[in-house]
Amino acid sequence: MKTNFIGIRIGYVMTGSYCTFERSFRQAERLREMGAELVPVMSENAASVSTRFGSGADNAARLAEICGREVITDISSAEPIGPKNMTDILVVAPCTSNTAAKLAGGITDTAATMAVKSHLRSGKPVVLAIASNDSLLGSAKNIGELFNRKNYYFVPMLQDDVEKKPASLVAEFGMIPDAVDAALRGVQLRPIIYHSV
């Protein structure tokens, strides 16, 4: 794996899988420690909804502190990402099934989906860290669609609880730096889906 990301500009996008926010924050910190410049984006719900995993305001403030810059939280502020060449690669961590469906359908109605659309206009890589309880049910077709799209890469996913949540897939967040490194080289890490023994 690459030992540093000095000079690499990473769009770091968070959507509403609130239970994975802590894991995502840790990886944002790792990428910064490895020298990356992070451009933070949160979907409107990720930045505003308060849950047992923290308030929207606190979560947005934490991402801003990690990245050292204000978080983009609206469509109009996300639109210039591509035209202004603000990012070399984009990471969506977590990427909910709702966001994956929108990306598969070409729907741009949040800061997160606009960031992806704007970034993709230049054919640059997007890394998705899926986190969804229905990844192998209703969301499977959308994830499958994105598997076949150029410029999309996935953080390897784990069936996190095959007994209680047999359709759930959650990205192995600790592999985000590896997935970023691979995607910058045009490579998809494998296995994409696995389960713990």
N, C-alpha and C. Protein backbone atom coordinates (compact mmCIF):
# COMPACT_ATOMS: atom_id res chain seq x y z
N MET A 1 0.83 -1.19 0.00
CA MET A 1 0.00 0.00 0.00
C MET A 1 0.87 1.25 0.00
N LYS A 2 0.35 2.28 -0.59
CA LYS A 2 1.02 3.58 -0.59
C LYS A 2 1.25 4.04 0.85
N THR A 3 2.43 4.56 1.12
CA THR A 3 2.73 4.99 2.48
C THR A 3 2.28 6.42 2.75
N ASN A 4 2.02 7.18 1.69
CA ASN A 4 1.51 8.53 1.91
C ASN A 4 0.68 8.99 0.72
N PHE A 5 -0.12 9.99 0.97
CA PHE A 5 -0.96 10.58 -0.06
C PHE A 5 -0.64 12.06 -0.21
N ILE A 6 0.61 12.41 -0.02
CA ILE A 6 1.03 13.80 -0.15
C ILE A 6 0.74 14.29 -1.57
N GLY A 7 0.06 15.42 -1.66
CA GLY A 7 -0.29 15.98 -2.96
C GLY A 7 -1.58 15.45 -3.56
N ILE A 8 -2.23 14.50 -2.88
CA ILE A 8 -3.49 13.94 -3.38
C ILE A 8 -4.67 14.64 -2.71
N ARG A 9 -5.60 15.09 -3.51
CA ARG A 9 -6.79 15.78 -3.01
C ARG A 9 -7.97 14.81 -3.04
N ILE A 10 -8.45 14.48 -1.86
CA ILE A 10 -9.52 13.49 -1.73
C ILE A 10 -10.82 14.17 -1.29
N GLY A 11 -11.85 14.05 -2.11
CA GLY A 11 -13.17 14.46 -1.67
C GLY A 11 -13.67 13.42 -0.69
N TYR A 12 -13.99 13.82 0.52
CA TYR A 12 -14.41 12.87 1.55
C TYR A 12 -15.87 13.13 1.87
N VAL A 13 -16.74 12.23 1.40
CA VAL A 13 -18.18 12.41 1.45
C VAL A 13 -18.81 11.46 2.46
N MET A 14 -19.67 11.99 3.32
CA MET A 14 -20.37 11.16 4.29
C MET A 14 -21.88 11.25 4.07
N THR A 15 -22.54 10.09 4.04
CA THR A 15 -24.00 10.05 3.97
C THR A 15 -24.52 9.37 5.24
N GLY A 16 -25.85 9.16 5.32
CA GLY A 16 -26.47 8.90 6.61
C GLY A 16 -26.46 7.54 7.27
N SER A 17 -25.42 6.76 7.15
CA SER A 17 -25.33 5.54 7.95
C SER A 17 -24.65 5.91 9.27
N TYR A 18 -25.43 6.48 10.16
CA TYR A 18 -24.89 7.14 11.35
C TYR A 18 -24.08 6.21 12.25
N CYS A 19 -24.44 4.94 12.29
CA CYS A 19 -23.73 4.01 13.17
C CYS A 19 -22.30 3.75 12.71
N THR A 20 -21.97 4.13 11.48
CA THR A 20 -20.60 3.93 10.98
C THR A 20 -19.78 5.22 10.99
N PHE A 21 -20.35 6.31 11.48
CA PHE A 21 -19.65 7.60 11.44
C PHE A 21 -18.31 7.55 12.17
N GLU A 22 -18.27 6.93 13.33
CA GLU A 22 -17.02 6.90 14.09
C GLU A 22 -15.92 6.21 13.29
N ARG A 23 -16.25 5.11 12.63
CA ARG A 23 -15.26 4.40 11.79
C ARG A 23 -14.81 5.28 10.63
N SER A 24 -15.75 6.03 10.05
CA SER A 24 -15.41 6.91 8.94
C SER A 24 -14.50 8.05 9.39
N PHE A 25 -14.82 8.65 10.53
CA PHE A 25 -13.97 9.72 11.05
C PHE A 25 -12.53 9.24 11.25
N ARG A 26 -12.37 8.03 11.77
CA ARG A 26 -11.01 7.51 12.00
C ARG A 26 -10.24 7.38 10.70
N GLN A 27 -10.92 6.98 9.63
CA GLN A 27 -10.23 6.84 8.34
C GLN A 27 -9.92 8.19 7.72
N ALA A 28 -10.79 9.17 7.92
CA ALA A 28 -10.48 10.52 7.46
C ALA A 28 -9.22 11.02 8.16
N GLU A 29 -9.13 10.74 9.46
CA GLU A 29 -7.93 11.14 10.21
C GLU A 29 -6.69 10.43 9.66
N ARG A 30 -6.82 9.14 9.36
CA ARG A 30 -5.67 8.40 8.80
C ARG A 30 -5.21 9.00 7.47
N LEU A 31 -6.17 9.31 6.60
CA LEU A 31 -5.81 9.88 5.30
C LEU A 31 -5.10 11.21 5.46
N ARG A 32 -5.55 12.01 6.41
CA ARG A 32 -4.88 13.28 6.69
C ARG A 32 -3.47 13.04 7.22
N GLU A 33 -3.34 12.06 8.12
CA GLU A 33 -2.02 11.73 8.65
C GLU A 33 -1.07 11.25 7.56
N MET A 34 -1.64 10.66 6.51
CA MET A 34 -0.84 10.18 5.39
C MET A 34 -0.56 11.28 4.37
N GLY A 35 -0.99 12.50 4.68
CA GLY A 35 -0.64 13.65 3.85
C GLY A 35 -1.69 14.12 2.87
N ALA A 36 -2.84 13.44 2.81
CA ALA A 36 -3.87 13.85 1.86
C ALA A 36 -4.52 15.16 2.26
N GLU A 37 -4.92 15.91 1.26
CA GLU A 37 -5.78 17.08 1.47
C GLU A 37 -7.21 16.58 1.31
N LEU A 38 -8.06 16.81 2.29
CA LEU A 38 -9.44 16.34 2.23
C LEU A 38 -10.39 17.50 1.99
N VAL A 39 -11.29 17.29 1.03
CA VAL A 39 -12.38 18.23 0.75
C VAL A 39 -13.64 17.58 1.31
N PRO A 40 -14.13 18.05 2.48
CA PRO A 40 -15.24 17.37 3.15
C PRO A 40 -16.62 17.74 2.60
N VAL A 41 -17.44 16.71 2.44
CA VAL A 41 -18.83 16.88 1.98
C VAL A 41 -19.71 16.00 2.84
N MET A 42 -20.88 16.50 3.22
CA MET A 42 -21.87 15.68 3.91
C MET A 42 -23.21 15.89 3.24
N SER A 43 -23.97 14.81 3.10
CA SER A 43 -25.34 14.97 2.63
C SER A 43 -26.08 15.84 3.65
N GLU A 44 -27.15 16.45 3.20
CA GLU A 44 -27.90 17.33 4.08
C GLU A 44 -28.36 16.60 5.34
N ASN A 45 -28.82 15.36 5.19
CA ASN A 45 -29.26 14.59 6.36
C ASN A 45 -28.09 14.23 7.27
N ALA A 46 -26.97 13.84 6.69
CA ALA A 46 -25.80 13.50 7.51
C ALA A 46 -25.35 14.68 8.35
N ALA A 47 -25.50 15.88 7.80
CA ALA A 47 -25.02 17.08 8.49
C ALA A 47 -26.03 17.68 9.45
N SER A 48 -27.29 17.24 9.37
CA SER A 48 -28.31 17.92 10.18
C SER A 48 -29.09 17.02 11.12
N VAL A 49 -29.17 15.74 10.84
CA VAL A 49 -29.99 14.85 11.66
C VAL A 49 -29.22 14.41 12.90
N SER A 50 -29.85 14.54 14.06
CA SER A 50 -29.24 14.10 15.31
C SER A 50 -29.77 12.72 15.67
N THR A 51 -28.88 11.83 16.06
CA THR A 51 -29.24 10.46 16.41
C THR A 51 -28.51 10.08 17.70
N ARG A 52 -28.66 8.83 18.12
CA ARG A 52 -27.93 8.37 19.30
C ARG A 52 -26.43 8.31 19.04
N PHE A 53 -26.03 8.50 17.78
CA PHE A 53 -24.60 8.50 17.43
C PHE A 53 -24.04 9.92 17.33
N GLY A 54 -24.81 10.91 17.79
CA GLY A 54 -24.32 12.28 17.81
C GLY A 54 -25.25 13.23 17.09
N SER A 55 -25.09 14.50 17.36
CA SER A 55 -25.90 15.51 16.69
C SER A 55 -25.31 15.81 15.32
N GLY A 56 -26.19 16.24 14.41
CA GLY A 56 -25.72 16.59 13.08
C GLY A 56 -24.67 17.69 13.13
N ALA A 57 -24.90 18.69 13.96
CA ALA A 57 -23.96 19.81 14.07
C ALA A 57 -22.60 19.34 14.58
N ASP A 58 -22.61 18.47 15.59
CA ASP A 58 -21.35 17.96 16.14
C ASP A 58 -20.60 17.11 15.12
N ASN A 59 -21.33 16.30 14.37
CA ASN A 59 -20.68 15.46 13.36
C ASN A 59 -20.06 16.31 12.25
N ALA A 60 -20.79 17.32 11.82
CA ALA A 60 -20.24 18.21 10.79
C ALA A 60 -19.02 18.97 11.31
N ALA A 61 -19.10 19.40 12.56
CA ALA A 61 -17.96 20.11 13.15
C ALA A 61 -16.74 19.21 13.26
N ARG A 62 -16.97 17.95 13.61
CA ARG A 62 -15.83 17.03 13.73
C ARG A 62 -15.17 16.80 12.38
N LEU A 63 -15.98 16.60 11.33
CA LEU A 63 -15.37 16.39 10.00
C LEU A 63 -14.62 17.64 9.56
N ALA A 64 -15.17 18.81 9.83
CA ALA A 64 -14.49 20.06 9.48
C ALA A 64 -13.15 20.16 10.20
N GLU A 65 -13.13 19.78 11.48
CA GLU A 65 -11.89 19.85 12.24
C GLU A 65 -10.85 18.89 11.69
N ILE A 66 -11.27 17.68 11.34
CA ILE A 66 -10.33 16.70 10.78
C ILE A 66 -9.74 17.21 9.47
N CYS A 67 -10.61 17.76 8.63
CA CYS A 67 -10.19 18.16 7.28
C CYS A 67 -9.54 19.54 7.25
N GLY A 68 -9.77 20.34 8.27
CA GLY A 68 -9.19 21.67 8.31
C GLY A 68 -9.87 22.65 7.38
N ARG A 69 -11.13 22.39 7.07
CA ARG A 69 -11.88 23.31 6.21
C ARG A 69 -13.37 23.06 6.38
N GLU A 70 -14.16 24.03 5.96
CA GLU A 70 -15.61 23.96 6.10
C GLU A 70 -16.19 22.81 5.29
N VAL A 71 -17.20 22.16 5.84
CA VAL A 71 -17.85 21.04 5.16
C VAL A 71 -18.87 21.56 4.15
N ILE A 72 -18.84 21.00 2.96
CA ILE A 72 -19.84 21.31 1.93
C ILE A 72 -21.10 20.53 2.26
N THR A 73 -22.24 21.23 2.40
CA THR A 73 -23.47 20.56 2.80
C THR A 73 -24.67 20.93 1.93
N ASP A 74 -24.44 21.52 0.77
CA ASP A 74 -25.56 21.83 -0.11
C ASP A 74 -25.14 21.64 -1.57
N ILE A 75 -26.13 21.46 -2.41
CA ILE A 75 -25.89 21.14 -3.82
C ILE A 75 -25.09 22.23 -4.52
N SER A 76 -25.44 23.48 -4.30
CA SER A 76 -24.77 24.56 -5.02
C SER A 76 -23.29 24.65 -4.68
N SER A 77 -22.94 24.32 -3.43
CA SER A 77 -21.53 24.37 -3.04
C SER A 77 -20.76 23.16 -3.54
N ALA A 78 -21.46 22.04 -3.77
CA ALA A 78 -20.80 20.83 -4.28
C ALA A 78 -20.59 20.86 -5.79
N GLU A 79 -21.41 21.62 -6.49
CA GLU A 79 -21.36 21.63 -7.96
C GLU A 79 -19.99 22.01 -8.53
N PRO A 80 -19.25 22.97 -7.94
CA PRO A 80 -17.96 23.34 -8.53
C PRO A 80 -16.83 22.31 -8.38
N ILE A 81 -17.05 21.24 -7.64
CA ILE A 81 -15.97 20.27 -7.39
C ILE A 81 -15.32 19.82 -8.69
N GLY A 82 -16.12 19.45 -9.68
CA GLY A 82 -15.57 19.02 -10.96
C GLY A 82 -15.04 20.17 -11.81
N PRO A 83 -15.86 21.19 -12.08
CA PRO A 83 -15.40 22.30 -12.92
C PRO A 83 -14.15 22.99 -12.40
N LYS A 84 -14.00 23.07 -11.08
CA LYS A 84 -12.83 23.73 -10.50
C LYS A 84 -11.69 22.76 -10.19
N ASN A 85 -11.87 21.48 -10.60
CA ASN A 85 -10.80 20.47 -10.44
C ASN A 85 -10.32 20.41 -8.99
N MET A 86 -11.26 20.30 -8.07
CA MET A 86 -10.94 20.36 -6.65
C MET A 86 -10.45 19.03 -6.07
N THR A 87 -10.70 17.91 -6.76
CA THR A 87 -10.39 16.60 -6.21
C THR A 87 -9.74 15.68 -7.24
N ASP A 88 -8.86 14.80 -6.75
CA ASP A 88 -8.25 13.78 -7.59
C ASP A 88 -9.01 12.46 -7.50
N ILE A 89 -9.64 12.23 -6.36
CA ILE A 89 -10.40 11.02 -6.12
C ILE A 89 -11.46 11.37 -5.08
N LEU A 90 -12.58 10.66 -5.13
CA LEU A 90 -13.66 10.92 -4.19
C LEU A 90 -13.96 9.64 -3.42
N VAL A 91 -14.15 9.76 -2.11
CA VAL A 91 -14.51 8.64 -1.25
C VAL A 91 -15.87 8.94 -0.63
N VAL A 92 -16.81 7.99 -0.74
CA VAL A 92 -18.10 8.13 -0.08
C VAL A 92 -18.12 7.11 1.05
N ALA A 93 -17.99 7.60 2.28
CA ALA A 93 -17.83 6.71 3.44
C ALA A 93 -18.51 7.30 4.67
N PRO A 94 -19.65 6.82 5.04
CA PRO A 94 -20.38 5.68 4.47
C PRO A 94 -21.20 6.07 3.24
N CYS A 95 -21.46 5.07 2.40
CA CYS A 95 -22.36 5.22 1.27
C CYS A 95 -23.59 4.37 1.57
N THR A 96 -24.71 5.01 1.84
CA THR A 96 -25.94 4.28 2.15
C THR A 96 -26.52 3.64 0.89
N SER A 97 -27.46 2.72 1.09
CA SER A 97 -28.15 2.12 -0.05
C SER A 97 -28.96 3.17 -0.79
N ASN A 98 -29.47 4.16 -0.06
CA ASN A 98 -30.22 5.25 -0.68
C ASN A 98 -29.33 6.04 -1.64
N THR A 99 -28.12 6.36 -1.19
CA THR A 99 -27.20 7.09 -2.05
C THR A 99 -26.75 6.24 -3.23
N ALA A 100 -26.48 4.95 -2.99
CA ALA A 100 -26.08 4.06 -4.08
C ALA A 100 -27.18 3.99 -5.14
N ALA A 101 -28.44 3.93 -4.71
CA ALA A 101 -29.56 3.89 -5.65
C ALA A 101 -29.61 5.16 -6.49
N LYS A 102 -29.39 6.29 -5.84
CA LYS A 102 -29.41 7.56 -6.57
C LYS A 102 -28.27 7.63 -7.58
N LEU A 103 -27.09 7.17 -7.18
CA LEU A 103 -25.96 7.17 -8.10
C LEU A 103 -26.23 6.25 -9.29
N ALA A 104 -26.81 5.09 -9.01
CA ALA A 104 -27.12 4.15 -10.09
C ALA A 104 -28.17 4.73 -11.04
N GLY A 105 -29.10 5.53 -10.48
CA GLY A 105 -30.16 6.11 -11.29
C GLY A 105 -29.86 7.48 -11.85
N GLY A 106 -28.68 8.01 -11.57
CA GLY A 106 -28.32 9.32 -12.08
C GLY A 106 -29.07 10.46 -11.40
N ILE A 107 -29.51 10.24 -10.17
CA ILE A 107 -30.26 11.26 -9.44
C ILE A 107 -29.31 12.14 -8.63
N THR A 108 -29.48 13.44 -8.78
CA THR A 108 -28.61 14.40 -8.09
C THR A 108 -29.48 15.32 -7.25
N ASP A 109 -29.72 14.92 -5.99
CA ASP A 109 -30.60 15.73 -5.16
C ASP A 109 -30.04 15.99 -3.76
N THR A 110 -28.75 15.71 -3.56
CA THR A 110 -28.09 16.02 -2.29
C THR A 110 -26.69 16.55 -2.59
N ALA A 111 -26.07 17.12 -1.58
CA ALA A 111 -24.68 17.56 -1.74
C ALA A 111 -23.79 16.37 -2.08
N ALA A 112 -24.09 15.20 -1.50
CA ALA A 112 -23.27 14.00 -1.74
C ALA A 112 -23.36 13.55 -3.19
N THR A 113 -24.57 13.41 -3.71
CA THR A 113 -24.70 12.94 -5.09
C THR A 113 -24.19 13.98 -6.09
N MET A 114 -24.37 15.26 -5.78
CA MET A 114 -23.81 16.29 -6.65
C MET A 114 -22.29 16.24 -6.65
N ALA A 115 -21.69 16.01 -5.49
CA ALA A 115 -20.23 15.91 -5.42
C ALA A 115 -19.73 14.79 -6.32
N VAL A 116 -20.40 13.64 -6.26
CA VAL A 116 -19.99 12.50 -7.10
C VAL A 116 -20.17 12.84 -8.58
N LYS A 117 -21.34 13.35 -8.93
CA LYS A 117 -21.61 13.69 -10.33
C LYS A 117 -20.60 14.69 -10.86
N SER A 118 -20.34 15.72 -10.09
CA SER A 118 -19.43 16.77 -10.52
C SER A 118 -18.00 16.24 -10.68
N HIS A 119 -17.57 15.42 -9.73
CA HIS A 119 -16.24 14.82 -9.77
C HIS A 119 -16.09 13.88 -10.96
N LEU A 120 -17.13 13.09 -11.26
CA LEU A 120 -17.06 12.10 -12.34
C LEU A 120 -16.98 12.72 -13.72
N ARG A 121 -17.34 13.98 -13.87
CA ARG A 121 -17.34 14.59 -15.20
C ARG A 121 -15.97 14.54 -15.86
N SER A 122 -14.91 14.43 -15.05
CA SER A 122 -13.56 14.36 -15.59
C SER A 122 -13.03 12.93 -15.63
N GLY A 123 -13.90 11.95 -15.37
CA GLY A 123 -13.49 10.55 -15.45
C GLY A 123 -12.56 10.11 -14.33
N LYS A 124 -12.68 10.76 -13.18
CA LYS A 124 -11.81 10.42 -12.05
C LYS A 124 -12.48 9.36 -11.16
N PRO A 125 -11.68 8.64 -10.37
CA PRO A 125 -12.24 7.53 -9.58
C PRO A 125 -13.06 7.96 -8.37
N VAL A 126 -14.09 7.13 -8.09
CA VAL A 126 -14.94 7.28 -6.93
C VAL A 126 -14.90 5.97 -6.15
N VAL A 127 -14.61 6.05 -4.86
CA VAL A 127 -14.54 4.87 -4.00
C VAL A 127 -15.75 4.88 -3.07
N LEU A 128 -16.52 3.79 -3.08
CA LEU A 128 -17.71 3.69 -2.26
C LEU A 128 -17.48 2.73 -1.10
N ALA A 129 -17.79 3.20 0.10
CA ALA A 129 -17.74 2.36 1.30
C ALA A 129 -19.19 2.09 1.70
N ILE A 130 -19.75 1.02 1.17
CA ILE A 130 -21.16 0.69 1.37
C ILE A 130 -21.45 0.35 2.83
N ALA A 131 -22.59 0.82 3.32
CA ALA A 131 -23.06 0.47 4.66
C ALA A 131 -24.58 0.42 4.59
N SER A 132 -25.13 -0.80 4.52
CA SER A 132 -26.58 -0.94 4.35
C SER A 132 -27.07 -2.28 4.86
N ASN A 133 -28.21 -2.27 5.54
CA ASN A 133 -28.80 -3.51 6.04
C ASN A 133 -29.50 -4.31 4.96
N ASP A 134 -29.75 -3.70 3.78
CA ASP A 134 -30.44 -4.46 2.72
C ASP A 134 -29.61 -4.56 1.45
N SER A 135 -28.29 -4.56 1.61
CA SER A 135 -27.40 -4.63 0.44
C SER A 135 -27.65 -5.86 -0.43
N LEU A 136 -28.04 -6.96 0.18
CA LEU A 136 -28.27 -8.19 -0.57
C LEU A 136 -29.75 -8.45 -0.81
N LEU A 137 -30.58 -7.43 -0.60
CA LEU A 137 -32.01 -7.52 -0.90
C LEU A 137 -32.36 -6.43 -1.91
N GLY A 138 -33.17 -5.46 -1.50
CA GLY A 138 -33.64 -4.43 -2.42
C GLY A 138 -32.55 -3.58 -3.04
N SER A 139 -31.44 -3.43 -2.31
CA SER A 139 -30.36 -2.58 -2.82
C SER A 139 -29.38 -3.31 -3.71
N ALA A 140 -29.50 -4.62 -3.80
CA ALA A 140 -28.51 -5.41 -4.54
C ALA A 140 -28.40 -4.99 -6.00
N LYS A 141 -29.54 -4.69 -6.62
CA LYS A 141 -29.50 -4.34 -8.05
C LYS A 141 -28.77 -3.03 -8.27
N ASN A 142 -28.91 -2.09 -7.34
CA ASN A 142 -28.22 -0.80 -7.51
C ASN A 142 -26.72 -0.93 -7.30
N ILE A 143 -26.33 -1.70 -6.30
CA ILE A 143 -24.91 -1.94 -6.07
C ILE A 143 -24.32 -2.69 -7.27
N GLY A 144 -25.07 -3.69 -7.76
CA GLY A 144 -24.62 -4.42 -8.95
C GLY A 144 -24.45 -3.52 -10.16
N GLU A 145 -25.36 -2.57 -10.32
CA GLU A 145 -25.25 -1.61 -11.42
C GLU A 145 -23.96 -0.81 -11.30
N LEU A 146 -23.63 -0.38 -10.09
CA LEU A 146 -22.42 0.42 -9.89
C LEU A 146 -21.16 -0.42 -10.06
N PHE A 147 -21.23 -1.73 -9.76
CA PHE A 147 -20.09 -2.61 -10.02
C PHE A 147 -19.67 -2.53 -11.49
N ASN A 148 -20.65 -2.34 -12.36
CA ASN A 148 -20.40 -2.36 -13.80
C ASN A 148 -20.14 -0.98 -14.40
N ARG A 149 -20.11 0.03 -13.58
CA ARG A 149 -19.87 1.39 -14.07
C ARG A 149 -18.38 1.73 -14.02
N LYS A 150 -17.94 2.36 -15.07
CA LYS A 150 -16.56 2.82 -15.12
C LYS A 150 -16.33 3.87 -14.03
N ASN A 151 -15.16 3.84 -13.45
CA ASN A 151 -14.69 4.82 -12.46
C ASN A 151 -15.23 4.62 -11.06
N TYR A 152 -16.06 3.60 -10.84
CA TYR A 152 -16.51 3.28 -9.48
C TYR A 152 -15.69 2.13 -8.92
N TYR A 153 -15.25 2.30 -7.68
CA TYR A 153 -14.49 1.26 -6.98
C TYR A 153 -15.12 1.09 -5.60
N PHE A 154 -14.92 -0.08 -5.02
CA PHE A 154 -15.55 -0.38 -3.74
C PHE A 154 -14.53 -0.75 -2.68
N VAL A 155 -14.77 -0.25 -1.48
CA VAL A 155 -14.03 -0.73 -0.33
C VAL A 155 -14.56 -2.14 -0.06
N PRO A 156 -13.69 -3.13 0.12
CA PRO A 156 -14.19 -4.49 0.39
C PRO A 156 -15.21 -4.49 1.53
N MET A 157 -16.24 -5.32 1.35
CA MET A 157 -17.38 -5.33 2.26
C MET A 157 -17.46 -6.64 3.05
N LEU A 158 -17.99 -6.51 4.24
CA LEU A 158 -18.12 -7.64 5.15
C LEU A 158 -19.59 -7.90 5.44
N GLN A 159 -19.99 -9.16 5.40
CA GLN A 159 -21.31 -9.52 5.92
C GLN A 159 -21.17 -9.49 7.43
N ASP A 160 -21.61 -8.39 8.02
CA ASP A 160 -21.25 -8.11 9.41
C ASP A 160 -22.00 -8.95 10.44
N ASP A 161 -23.17 -9.47 10.09
CA ASP A 161 -23.90 -10.33 11.02
C ASP A 161 -24.80 -11.26 10.20
N VAL A 162 -24.24 -12.38 9.76
CA VAL A 162 -24.97 -13.26 8.84
C VAL A 162 -26.17 -13.93 9.49
N GLU A 163 -26.20 -14.00 10.81
CA GLU A 163 -27.34 -14.62 11.50
C GLU A 163 -28.49 -13.64 11.68
N LYS A 164 -28.23 -12.47 12.26
CA LYS A 164 -29.29 -11.51 12.56
C LYS A 164 -29.60 -10.56 11.41
N LYS A 165 -28.60 -10.30 10.56
CA LYS A 165 -28.78 -9.38 9.44
C LYS A 165 -28.18 -10.00 8.18
N PRO A 166 -28.79 -11.06 7.65
CA PRO A 166 -28.18 -11.81 6.55
C PRO A 166 -28.03 -11.03 5.24
N ALA A 167 -28.75 -9.93 5.08
CA ALA A 167 -28.64 -9.14 3.85
C ALA A 167 -27.75 -7.92 4.00
N SER A 168 -27.16 -7.76 5.18
CA SER A 168 -26.36 -6.56 5.47
C SER A 168 -24.94 -6.68 4.94
N LEU A 169 -24.45 -5.60 4.37
CA LEU A 169 -23.04 -5.47 3.99
C LEU A 169 -22.52 -4.15 4.53
N VAL A 170 -21.36 -4.20 5.15
CA VAL A 170 -20.72 -2.98 5.64
C VAL A 170 -19.26 -3.00 5.19
N ALA A 171 -18.83 -1.90 4.62
CA ALA A 171 -17.44 -1.79 4.18
C ALA A 171 -16.49 -1.99 5.35
N GLU A 172 -15.35 -2.57 5.05
CA GLU A 172 -14.28 -2.68 6.04
C GLU A 172 -13.56 -1.34 6.03
N PHE A 173 -14.03 -0.42 6.86
CA PHE A 173 -13.56 0.96 6.82
C PHE A 173 -12.04 1.08 6.95
N GLY A 174 -11.43 0.17 7.68
CA GLY A 174 -9.98 0.21 7.82
C GLY A 174 -9.23 0.00 6.53
N MET A 175 -9.94 -0.45 5.49
CA MET A 175 -9.30 -0.67 4.18
C MET A 175 -9.46 0.52 3.24
N ILE A 176 -10.04 1.61 3.73
CA ILE A 176 -10.23 2.78 2.86
C ILE A 176 -8.91 3.28 2.27
N PRO A 177 -7.84 3.45 3.05
CA PRO A 177 -6.60 3.90 2.41
C PRO A 177 -6.10 2.95 1.32
N ASP A 178 -6.22 1.64 1.56
CA ASP A 178 -5.82 0.67 0.52
C ASP A 178 -6.70 0.81 -0.71
N ALA A 179 -8.00 0.99 -0.50
CA ALA A 179 -8.92 1.12 -1.63
C ALA A 179 -8.64 2.38 -2.42
N VAL A 180 -8.30 3.47 -1.74
CA VAL A 180 -7.95 4.72 -2.42
C VAL A 180 -6.69 4.53 -3.26
N ASP A 181 -5.69 3.93 -2.65
CA ASP A 181 -4.44 3.68 -3.37
C ASP A 181 -4.69 2.84 -4.62
N ALA A 182 -5.47 1.77 -4.47
CA ALA A 182 -5.76 0.89 -5.61
C ALA A 182 -6.55 1.63 -6.69
N ALA A 183 -7.57 2.38 -6.29
CA ALA A 183 -8.40 3.09 -7.26
C ALA A 183 -7.60 4.13 -8.04
N LEU A 184 -6.65 4.77 -7.38
CA LEU A 184 -5.79 5.73 -8.09
C LEU A 184 -4.97 5.04 -9.17
N ARG A 185 -4.77 3.72 -9.00
CA ARG A 185 -4.06 2.92 -10.01
C ARG A 185 -5.01 2.18 -10.93
N GLY A 186 -6.32 2.42 -10.79
CA GLY A 186 -7.30 1.76 -11.64
C GLY A 186 -7.57 0.32 -11.26
N VAL A 187 -7.35 -0.04 -10.00
CA VAL A 187 -7.49 -1.43 -9.55
C VAL A 187 -8.59 -1.53 -8.49
N GLN A 188 -9.42 -2.58 -8.58
CA GLN A 188 -10.42 -2.89 -7.57
C GLN A 188 -9.86 -3.94 -6.62
N LEU A 189 -9.84 -3.61 -5.32
CA LEU A 189 -9.39 -4.58 -4.33
C LEU A 189 -10.33 -5.78 -4.30
N ARG A 190 -9.79 -6.97 -4.06
CA ARG A 190 -10.59 -8.18 -3.96
C ARG A 190 -10.12 -9.02 -2.79
N PRO A 191 -11.02 -9.84 -2.19
CA PRO A 191 -12.42 -10.00 -2.59
C PRO A 191 -13.25 -8.78 -2.22
N ILE A 192 -14.23 -8.47 -3.04
CA ILE A 192 -15.07 -7.32 -2.79
C ILE A 192 -16.01 -7.60 -1.61
N ILE A 193 -16.54 -8.83 -1.56
CA ILE A 193 -17.44 -9.22 -0.48
C ILE A 193 -16.90 -10.47 0.19
N TYR A 194 -16.84 -10.44 1.50
CA TYR A 194 -16.37 -11.61 2.24
C TYR A 194 -17.11 -11.66 3.57
N HIS A 195 -16.87 -12.68 4.36
CA HIS A 195 -17.49 -12.73 5.68
C HIS A 195 -16.47 -13.21 6.68
N SER A 196 -16.64 -12.80 7.91
CA SER A 196 -15.69 -13.17 8.94
C SER A 196 -15.86 -14.65 9.28
N VAL A 197 -14.78 -15.27 9.70
CA VAL A 197 -14.80 -16.70 10.00
C VAL A 197 -15.05 -16.90 11.49
